[in-house]
Amino acid sequence: MSKKKLMLLFVIYIAFIALGLPDALLGSAWNLIERTSRSLLEPLVSWPLSSI
């Protein structure tokens, strides 16, 4: 395999990993994000968000 093709394969591999990484990070942090956003939004609405 030529050096150009190997470099292209490496770039494609890194891009593939980089595209999937944010989803994995968001998945593990989603509980904290939800709790934080609920506590910030609760004073702004007239009904409790816990009933949704």
N, C-alpha and C. Protein backbone atom coordinates (compact mmCIF):
# COMPACT_ATOMS: atom_id res chain seq x y z
N MET A 1 0.85 -1.18 0.00
CA MET A 1 0.00 0.00 0.00
C MET A 1 0.89 1.24 0.00
N SER A 2 0.51 2.23 -0.79
CA SER A 2 1.34 3.44 -0.86
C SER A 2 1.14 4.31 0.39
N LYS A 3 2.08 5.21 0.58
CA LYS A 3 2.04 6.09 1.76
C LYS A 3 0.80 6.99 1.73
N LYS A 4 0.40 7.43 0.52
CA LYS A 4 -0.77 8.29 0.38
C LYS A 4 -2.05 7.56 0.80
N LYS A 5 -2.18 6.32 0.36
CA LYS A 5 -3.37 5.54 0.70
C LYS A 5 -3.42 5.24 2.19
N LEU A 6 -2.28 4.96 2.78
CA LEU A 6 -2.23 4.70 4.21
C LEU A 6 -2.62 5.94 5.01
N MET A 7 -2.14 7.09 4.57
CA MET A 7 -2.49 8.34 5.25
C MET A 7 -3.99 8.61 5.14
N LEU A 8 -4.57 8.37 3.98
CA LEU A 8 -6.00 8.56 3.79
C LEU A 8 -6.79 7.62 4.68
N LEU A 9 -6.38 6.37 4.76
CA LEU A 9 -7.03 5.40 5.63
C LEU A 9 -6.96 5.83 7.09
N PHE A 10 -5.83 6.36 7.51
CA PHE A 10 -5.66 6.85 8.88
C PHE A 10 -6.60 8.03 9.17
N VAL A 11 -6.71 8.96 8.23
CA VAL A 11 -7.59 10.13 8.40
C VAL A 11 -9.05 9.68 8.48
N ILE A 12 -9.44 8.73 7.64
CA ILE A 12 -10.81 8.22 7.67
C ILE A 12 -11.09 7.54 9.00
N TYR A 13 -10.15 6.77 9.50
CA TYR A 13 -10.30 6.09 10.79
C TYR A 13 -10.46 7.10 11.92
N ILE A 14 -9.63 8.12 11.95
CA ILE A 14 -9.71 9.15 13.00
C ILE A 14 -11.04 9.89 12.92
N ALA A 15 -11.50 10.20 11.70
CA ALA A 15 -12.79 10.88 11.54
C ALA A 15 -13.93 10.00 12.04
N PHE A 16 -13.87 8.71 11.76
CA PHE A 16 -14.90 7.78 12.22
C PHE A 16 -14.97 7.74 13.74
N ILE A 17 -13.83 7.69 14.38
CA ILE A 17 -13.78 7.69 15.85
C ILE A 17 -14.28 9.02 16.40
N ALA A 18 -13.88 10.12 15.79
CA ALA A 18 -14.26 11.45 16.27
C ALA A 18 -15.76 11.69 16.14
N LEU A 19 -16.39 11.13 15.13
CA LEU A 19 -17.83 11.31 14.96
C LEU A 19 -18.63 10.54 16.01
N GLY A 20 -18.13 9.41 16.44
CA GLY A 20 -18.84 8.61 17.43
C GLY A 20 -18.57 9.02 18.86
N LEU A 21 -17.50 9.72 19.09
CA LEU A 21 -17.11 10.08 20.45
C LEU A 21 -18.11 10.99 21.16
N PRO A 22 -18.63 12.05 20.55
CA PRO A 22 -19.57 12.91 21.28
C PRO A 22 -20.82 12.18 21.75
N ASP A 23 -21.32 11.22 20.96
CA ASP A 23 -22.50 10.47 21.37
C ASP A 23 -22.23 9.65 22.62
N ALA A 24 -21.08 9.04 22.67
CA ALA A 24 -20.74 8.23 23.84
C ALA A 24 -20.58 9.11 25.08
N LEU A 25 -19.97 10.25 24.92
CA LEU A 25 -19.78 11.16 26.06
C LEU A 25 -21.10 11.72 26.53
N LEU A 26 -21.98 12.07 25.60
CA LEU A 26 -23.29 12.61 25.97
C LEU A 26 -24.12 11.55 26.66
N GLY A 27 -24.01 10.32 26.23
CA GLY A 27 -24.78 9.24 26.84
C GLY A 27 -24.45 9.06 28.31
N SER A 28 -23.20 9.14 28.67
CA SER A 28 -22.82 8.96 30.07
C SER A 28 -23.11 10.20 30.91
N ALA A 29 -23.18 11.35 30.30
CA ALA A 29 -23.41 12.59 31.05
C ALA A 29 -24.88 13.03 31.03
N TRP A 30 -25.74 12.29 30.33
CA TRP A 30 -27.11 12.75 30.14
C TRP A 30 -27.87 12.93 31.45
N ASN A 31 -27.68 12.05 32.44
CA ASN A 31 -28.39 12.18 33.72
C ASN A 31 -28.06 13.50 34.41
N LEU A 32 -26.81 13.87 34.41
CA LEU A 32 -26.40 15.13 35.03
C LEU A 32 -26.96 16.33 34.26
N ILE A 33 -26.93 16.26 32.93
CA ILE A 33 -27.46 17.35 32.10
C ILE A 33 -28.95 17.53 32.35
N GLU A 34 -29.68 16.42 32.45
CA GLU A 34 -31.13 16.51 32.66
C GLU A 34 -31.45 17.12 34.02
N ARG A 35 -30.75 16.66 35.07
CA ARG A 35 -31.01 17.21 36.41
C ARG A 35 -30.69 18.70 36.47
N THR A 36 -29.59 19.10 35.86
CA THR A 36 -29.17 20.50 35.88
C THR A 36 -30.17 21.36 35.12
N SER A 37 -30.59 20.91 33.95
CA SER A 37 -31.52 21.71 33.16
C SER A 37 -32.89 21.80 33.84
N ARG A 38 -33.31 20.72 34.50
CA ARG A 38 -34.59 20.78 35.22
C ARG A 38 -34.53 21.78 36.36
N SER A 39 -33.42 21.78 37.10
CA SER A 39 -33.32 22.71 38.23
C SER A 39 -33.22 24.16 37.75
N LEU A 40 -32.67 24.38 36.55
CA LEU A 40 -32.60 25.74 36.02
C LEU A 40 -33.93 26.20 35.44
N LEU A 41 -34.70 25.28 34.87
CA LEU A 41 -35.95 25.65 34.21
C LEU A 41 -37.16 25.67 35.14
N GLU A 42 -37.09 24.94 36.24
CA GLU A 42 -38.23 24.82 37.15
C GLU A 42 -38.79 26.18 37.61
N PRO A 43 -37.96 27.15 38.00
CA PRO A 43 -38.53 28.44 38.43
C PRO A 43 -39.21 29.22 37.30
N LEU A 44 -38.93 28.88 36.06
CA LEU A 44 -39.48 29.63 34.93
C LEU A 44 -40.85 29.15 34.49
N VAL A 45 -41.25 27.96 34.90
CA VAL A 45 -42.55 27.43 34.48
C VAL A 45 -43.48 27.38 35.67
N SER A 46 -44.78 27.36 35.38
CA SER A 46 -45.75 27.40 36.46
C SER A 46 -46.14 26.01 36.97
N TRP A 47 -45.65 24.94 36.33
CA TRP A 47 -45.93 23.59 36.78
C TRP A 47 -44.61 22.87 37.07
N PRO A 48 -44.63 21.90 37.94
CA PRO A 48 -43.38 21.19 38.24
C PRO A 48 -42.97 20.30 37.07
N LEU A 49 -41.70 20.33 36.73
CA LEU A 49 -41.20 19.52 35.62
C LEU A 49 -41.16 18.04 35.98
N SER A 50 -41.21 17.73 37.27
CA SER A 50 -41.16 16.33 37.67
C SER A 50 -42.43 15.58 37.29
N SER A 51 -43.51 16.32 36.98
CA SER A 51 -44.75 15.66 36.58
C SER A 51 -44.75 15.28 35.11
N ILE A 52 -43.74 15.70 34.37
CA ILE A 52 -43.68 15.39 32.93
C ILE A 52 -43.03 14.05 32.73
